[in-house]
Protein backbone atom coordinates (compact mmCIF):
# COMPACT_ATOMS: atom_id res chain seq x y z
CA MET A 1 -6.32 15.42 9.97
CA THR A 2 -3.24 16.64 11.29
CA ASP A 3 -3.78 14.69 14.44
CA SER A 4 -5.02 11.43 12.68
CA LEU A 5 -1.61 11.55 10.59
CA VAL A 6 0.49 11.68 13.84
CA ILE A 7 -1.41 9.03 15.38
CA ALA A 8 -0.91 6.90 11.79
CA ARG A 9 2.68 7.63 11.91
CA ARG A 10 3.03 6.44 15.48
CA ASN A 11 1.43 3.03 14.22
CA LEU A 12 3.58 2.68 11.12
CA ILE A 13 6.57 3.19 13.33
CA ARG A 14 5.51 0.63 15.82
CA MET A 15 5.03 -1.79 12.94
CA THR A 16 8.22 -1.65 11.77
CA ARG A 17 9.73 -2.15 15.11
CA ILE A 18 7.49 -5.28 15.29
CA PRO A 19 8.77 -6.84 11.95
CA GLU A 20 7.24 -10.36 12.77
CA MET A 21 3.59 -8.59 12.51
CA ILE A 22 4.34 -7.75 8.75
CA LEU A 23 6.10 -11.10 8.23
CA PHE A 24 3.12 -13.26 9.36
CA GLY A 25 0.62 -11.01 7.89
CA LEU A 26 2.26 -11.93 4.40
CA ILE A 27 2.45 -15.54 5.35
CA GLN A 28 -1.12 -16.60 5.98
CA PRO A 29 -2.74 -15.43 2.54
CA ILE A 30 0.30 -16.60 0.48
CA MET A 31 -0.42 -19.89 1.95
CA PHE A 32 -4.20 -19.56 0.94
CA VAL A 33 -3.29 -18.70 -2.58
CA VAL A 34 -0.79 -21.92 -2.73
CA LEU A 35 -3.31 -24.29 -0.91
CA PHE A 36 -6.45 -23.27 -2.79
CA THR A 37 -4.93 -23.20 -6.01
CA TYR A 38 -3.30 -26.49 -5.89
CA VAL A 39 -5.59 -28.57 -3.53
CA PHE A 40 -8.89 -27.43 -5.13
CA GLY A 41 -7.69 -26.46 -8.31
CA GLY A 42 -9.02 -29.40 -10.23
CA SER A 43 -12.12 -30.10 -8.14
CA MET A 44 -13.98 -26.84 -8.64
CA LYS A 45 -16.48 -26.45 -11.57
CA ILE A 46 -16.49 -22.71 -12.66
CA GLY A 47 -19.24 -22.44 -15.31
CA ASP A 48 -19.10 -25.41 -17.38
CA SER A 49 -14.89 -26.18 -16.83
CA THR A 50 -13.21 -27.66 -14.09
CA ASP A 51 -9.90 -26.36 -15.70
CA PRO A 52 -7.51 -25.74 -12.89
CA ASP A 53 -6.44 -22.47 -14.66
CA VAL A 54 -9.78 -21.53 -14.78
CA TYR A 55 -10.36 -21.93 -11.32
CA LYS A 56 -7.27 -20.32 -10.49
CA ASN A 57 -8.30 -16.85 -12.21
CA PHE A 58 -11.47 -17.18 -10.70
CA LEU A 59 -10.01 -17.60 -7.08
CA MET A 60 -7.61 -14.41 -6.85
CA ALA A 61 -10.08 -11.87 -6.36
CA GLY A 62 -11.70 -13.96 -3.43
CA ILE A 63 -8.37 -14.39 -2.09
CA PHE A 64 -7.56 -10.55 -2.27
CA ALA A 65 -11.01 -9.75 -0.54
CA GLN A 66 -10.17 -12.20 2.25
CA THR A 67 -6.87 -10.90 2.89
CA VAL A 68 -8.16 -7.11 3.13
CA THR A 69 -10.76 -8.07 5.21
CA PHE A 70 -9.08 -10.42 7.53
CA ALA A 71 -7.00 -7.47 8.51
CA THR A 72 -10.06 -6.61 10.81
CA ALA A 73 -8.77 -8.94 13.59
CA GLY A 74 -5.24 -7.13 13.58
CA ALA A 75 -6.74 -3.71 13.58
CA GLY A 76 -9.33 -4.83 16.79
CA ALA A 77 -6.23 -6.40 18.42
CA GLY A 78 -4.16 -3.34 18.55
CA ILE A 79 -6.90 -1.06 19.85
CA ALA A 80 -7.95 -3.54 22.40
CA ASP A 81 -3.83 -3.60 23.46
CA ASP A 82 -3.75 -0.12 23.53
CA MET A 83 -6.91 -0.28 25.67
CA HIS A 84 -5.52 -2.59 28.19
CA LYS A 85 -2.34 -0.61 28.32
CA GLY A 86 -3.67 2.62 29.03
CA LEU A 87 -2.64 4.14 26.05
CA ILE A 88 -5.97 5.07 25.10
CA ASP A 89 -6.83 6.80 28.17
CA ARG A 90 -3.89 8.84 27.88
CA PHE A 91 -4.75 9.91 24.42
CA ARG A 92 -8.09 10.70 25.26
CA SER A 93 -6.74 13.47 28.02
CA LEU A 94 -4.44 15.28 25.08
CA PRO A 95 -5.89 18.28 23.41
CA MET A 96 -6.61 16.36 20.25
CA ALA A 97 -9.60 15.63 17.73
CA ARG A 98 -11.58 12.56 19.26
CA GLY A 99 -11.76 10.35 16.06
CA ALA A 100 -8.03 10.92 15.53
CA VAL A 101 -6.74 7.82 17.51
CA LEU A 102 -9.04 5.51 15.96
CA THR A 103 -8.63 7.27 12.38
CA GLY A 104 -4.54 7.08 12.45
CA ARG A 105 -4.96 3.58 13.42
CA THR A 106 -7.36 2.59 10.42
CA VAL A 107 -5.23 4.50 7.95
CA ALA A 108 -1.87 2.69 9.56
CA ASP A 109 -3.73 -0.60 8.93
CA LEU A 110 -4.99 0.75 5.30
CA VAL A 111 -0.96 0.95 4.50
CA GLN A 112 -0.02 -2.40 5.97
CA THR A 113 -2.87 -4.00 4.02
CA ALA A 114 -1.90 -2.39 0.79
CA LEU A 115 1.86 -3.83 1.19
CA THR A 116 0.14 -7.27 1.76
CA LEU A 117 -2.08 -6.85 -1.03
CA LEU A 118 1.14 -5.71 -3.42
CA VAL A 119 2.90 -8.95 -2.34
CA LEU A 120 -0.01 -11.21 -2.69
CA ALA A 121 -0.50 -10.08 -6.30
CA LEU A 122 2.96 -10.73 -7.16
CA VAL A 123 2.53 -14.37 -5.77
CA ALA A 124 -0.70 -14.56 -7.87
CA LEU A 125 1.09 -13.84 -10.90
CA LEU A 126 3.89 -16.24 -10.09
CA VAL A 127 1.31 -18.96 -9.69
CA GLY A 128 -0.61 -18.29 -12.78
CA TRP A 129 -3.02 -15.58 -12.35
CA ARG A 130 -3.46 -13.35 -15.34
CA PRO A 131 -5.63 -10.46 -15.62
CA GLY A 132 -7.83 -10.11 -18.70
CA SER A 133 -7.83 -13.92 -18.92
CA VAL A 134 -11.64 -13.84 -19.92
CA GLU A 135 -12.77 -10.07 -21.00
CA PRO A 136 -10.14 -7.39 -21.99
CA THR A 137 -8.73 -5.14 -19.39
CA ASN A 138 -6.06 -2.33 -18.65
CA LEU A 139 -3.91 -1.10 -16.02
CA GLY A 140 -6.48 1.64 -15.16
CA LYS A 141 -9.33 -1.31 -14.37
CA ILE A 142 -7.06 -3.26 -12.46
CA LEU A 143 -5.80 -0.59 -10.43
CA GLY A 144 -9.67 0.41 -9.66
CA GLY A 145 -10.15 -3.27 -8.68
CA PHE A 146 -7.41 -3.22 -6.09
CA GLY A 147 -8.64 0.28 -5.06
CA LEU A 148 -12.12 -1.19 -4.27
CA LEU A 149 -10.74 -3.88 -2.38
CA LEU A 150 -8.54 -1.62 0.00
CA LEU A 151 -11.57 0.42 0.17
CA LEU A 152 -13.68 -2.50 1.44
CA GLY A 153 -10.65 -3.30 3.92
CA TYR A 154 -10.53 0.08 5.19
CA ALA A 155 -14.59 -0.25 6.07
CA PHE A 156 -14.07 -3.40 7.74
CA THR A 157 -11.15 -2.04 9.89
CA TRP A 158 -13.58 0.18 11.50
CA ILE A 159 -15.75 -2.98 12.45
CA GLY A 160 -12.75 -4.14 14.29
CA ALA A 161 -11.98 -0.66 15.90
CA LEU A 162 -15.47 -1.05 17.09
CA ILE A 163 -14.77 -4.86 18.57
CA GLY A 164 -11.35 -3.57 19.82
CA LEU A 165 -13.11 -0.91 22.21
CA SER A 166 -15.91 -3.29 23.22
CA VAL A 167 -13.84 -5.98 24.62
CA ARG A 168 -11.43 -6.28 27.78
CA THR A 169 -8.21 -8.07 26.22
CA PRO A 170 -6.55 -8.35 22.61
CA GLU A 171 -6.99 -12.00 22.63
CA ALA A 172 -10.82 -11.47 22.90
CA ALA A 173 -10.73 -8.78 20.26
CA THR A 174 -8.44 -11.24 18.11
CA SER A 175 -11.13 -13.81 18.43
CA GLY A 176 -14.28 -11.45 18.32
CA GLY A 177 -12.72 -10.05 14.99
CA LEU A 178 -12.78 -13.21 13.16
CA ILE A 179 -15.50 -15.24 14.30
CA TRP A 180 -17.94 -13.35 12.10
CA LEU A 181 -15.60 -13.15 9.37
CA PHE A 182 -15.83 -16.86 8.35
CA PRO A 183 -19.31 -16.65 7.29
CA VAL A 184 -18.98 -13.56 5.53
CA THR A 185 -16.18 -14.72 3.61
CA PHE A 186 -17.39 -18.35 2.78
CA ILE A 187 -21.09 -17.62 2.46
CA SER A 188 -19.99 -15.58 -0.80
CA ASN A 189 -18.79 -15.75 -4.40
CA ALA A 190 -15.09 -15.88 -3.30
CA PHE A 191 -14.07 -19.36 -3.31
CA VAL A 192 -17.39 -21.07 -5.41
CA ASP A 193 -19.68 -20.31 -7.75
CA THR A 194 -22.97 -19.20 -6.22
CA GLY A 195 -24.86 -21.07 -8.96
CA GLN A 196 -24.19 -24.27 -7.22
CA MET A 197 -25.66 -23.12 -3.67
CA THR A 198 -28.96 -23.70 -2.56
CA PRO A 199 -31.80 -20.78 -3.65
CA TRP A 200 -31.84 -19.36 -0.09
CA LEU A 201 -27.99 -19.47 0.43
CA ARG A 202 -27.43 -18.30 -2.70
CA HIS A 203 -29.40 -15.26 -2.15
CA VAL A 204 -27.81 -14.37 1.09
CA ALA A 205 -24.42 -14.74 -0.84
CA GLU A 206 -25.45 -12.41 -3.65
CA TRP A 207 -26.39 -9.69 -1.21
CA ASN A 208 -23.46 -9.90 0.85
CA PRO A 209 -21.23 -6.96 0.64
CA PHE A 210 -17.86 -8.98 0.66
CA SER A 211 -19.56 -10.83 -2.54
CA ALA A 212 -20.29 -7.26 -4.25
CA THR A 213 -16.65 -6.35 -3.88
CA VAL A 214 -15.36 -9.81 -5.25
CA GLN A 215 -17.74 -9.54 -8.40
CA ALA A 216 -16.53 -5.96 -9.03
CA SER A 217 -12.78 -7.02 -8.93
CA ARG A 218 -13.64 -9.95 -11.25
CA GLN A 219 -15.27 -7.59 -13.31
CA LEU A 220 -12.44 -5.07 -13.60
CA PHE A 221 -9.62 -7.91 -13.61
CA GLY A 222 -11.21 -9.58 -16.53
CA ASP A 223 -11.36 -12.66 -14.83
CA PRO A 224 -13.62 -15.80 -15.06
CA GLY A 225 -16.74 -16.49 -12.69
CA LEU A 226 -18.94 -13.39 -13.06
CA SER A 227 -22.44 -14.40 -11.37
CA GLN A 228 -25.16 -14.10 -14.07
CA SER A 229 -27.50 -13.42 -11.09
CA GLY A 230 -30.37 -10.71 -11.47
CA ALA A 231 -29.45 -9.55 -7.88
CA TRP A 232 -28.81 -5.67 -8.09
CA PRO A 233 -25.43 -6.11 -6.42
CA MET A 234 -24.20 -8.69 -8.99
CA GLN A 235 -25.69 -6.64 -11.99
CA HIS A 236 -23.82 -3.32 -10.73
CA PRO A 237 -21.25 -4.54 -8.85
CA VAL A 238 -18.65 -1.74 -8.64
CA TRP A 239 -21.61 0.74 -7.38
CA ALA A 240 -22.56 -1.91 -5.03
CA SER A 241 -19.11 -2.33 -3.54
CA LEU A 242 -18.66 1.66 -3.17
CA ILE A 243 -22.06 2.21 -1.44
CA TYR A 244 -21.40 -0.96 0.72
CA SER A 245 -18.26 0.41 1.44
CA VAL A 246 -19.03 3.90 2.38
CA LEU A 247 -22.21 2.84 4.52
CA ILE A 248 -20.03 0.74 6.43
CA ILE A 249 -17.61 3.28 7.08
CA VAL A 250 -20.05 5.93 8.34
CA ILE A 251 -22.04 3.61 10.35
CA PHE A 252 -19.06 2.16 12.12
CA ARG A 253 -16.89 5.13 12.48
CA THR A 254 -19.58 6.72 14.02
CA LEU A 255 -20.32 3.94 16.48
CA ALA A 256 -16.73 3.58 17.26
CA VAL A 257 -16.08 7.27 17.81
CA ARG A 258 -18.78 7.08 20.11
CA LYS A 259 -17.48 4.07 22.23
CA TYR A 260 -14.08 5.18 22.40
CA ARG A 261 -15.47 8.62 24.26
CA SER A 262 -16.77 6.46 26.96
CA ALA A 263 -14.57 3.01 26.95
CA THR A 264 -12.27 2.33 29.81
CA ALA A 265 -9.07 0.28 30.33
C-alpha cells in the first residue's frame, strides 16, 4: 500500500507539471456534452418523447460513463511512455511490491478522472441536466451513481495498463486503448434507447458492462430512459455494475501484474 501511494504521488506531481494533459482531458468530454445536447437533442426518441430536455437528462449518464472509460487510453499511453523511457525497468530493480507501480498509476488516473467528472457534472447542470427529473432521488443516490462510474473507470484503466505494457510505443497504446472502446460505448444504452435496436444488437447492448453502469447511474440519478428489458443486468443494474467492475479489476490486474514482471522496454 505504501509503495502504491508513493507511485501515485509521483504520477500526480507529474500531471500538475504538464497542465495541458488535464486541460485537454477536460475539453473533450465538455465538447461531447455540448455537441450531443444541441445537435441530437431534438432528433432522438426516448420512450414516446422527442423533447430535447428529455434527451438531455437521458444523455448525461452515458456521457459520464464514456468520459471515465476513455481515461483508459491515457493510462495505457502513460505506462507505455514509462516503458519506452526505461523507467519501468528502473522501478522493477527497486525493492518494492511488484504491483505497486501499476496500482499507483491507476490510482493517480482515478484522481484525475474524478476531477474531470466533477467539472463535467457542473457543465451538465449548466446546459440543463437535472437529477430527479423522472424519479425522486437524493444526494446519497447521486453520489452512489458517481461512485459506480468511477469504479467502472478504475476497472477499465487496468485494461489500459495491460495494453500499455503490451505495446512498444505510447502512440500504439493510445490507438490500442481507444479502438476497442468505440464499440463498447456505442453498442450500449449510453446515447440511444436500446429498444430501437435490432434484436441481436439489443441483446449485446443489454449485457454490455458499460450499459449496466449507465443504467445504474440513470436509476440513481432519477433520469429518464431506463431500459424495460428483462435482461438481468437491466433489471438489477447496481449489482450488475458492481459485479462487472470487480471482475474486470480482478482479471486485468492479475494479467497486468504478470505482464509487468516480464515486459521489457
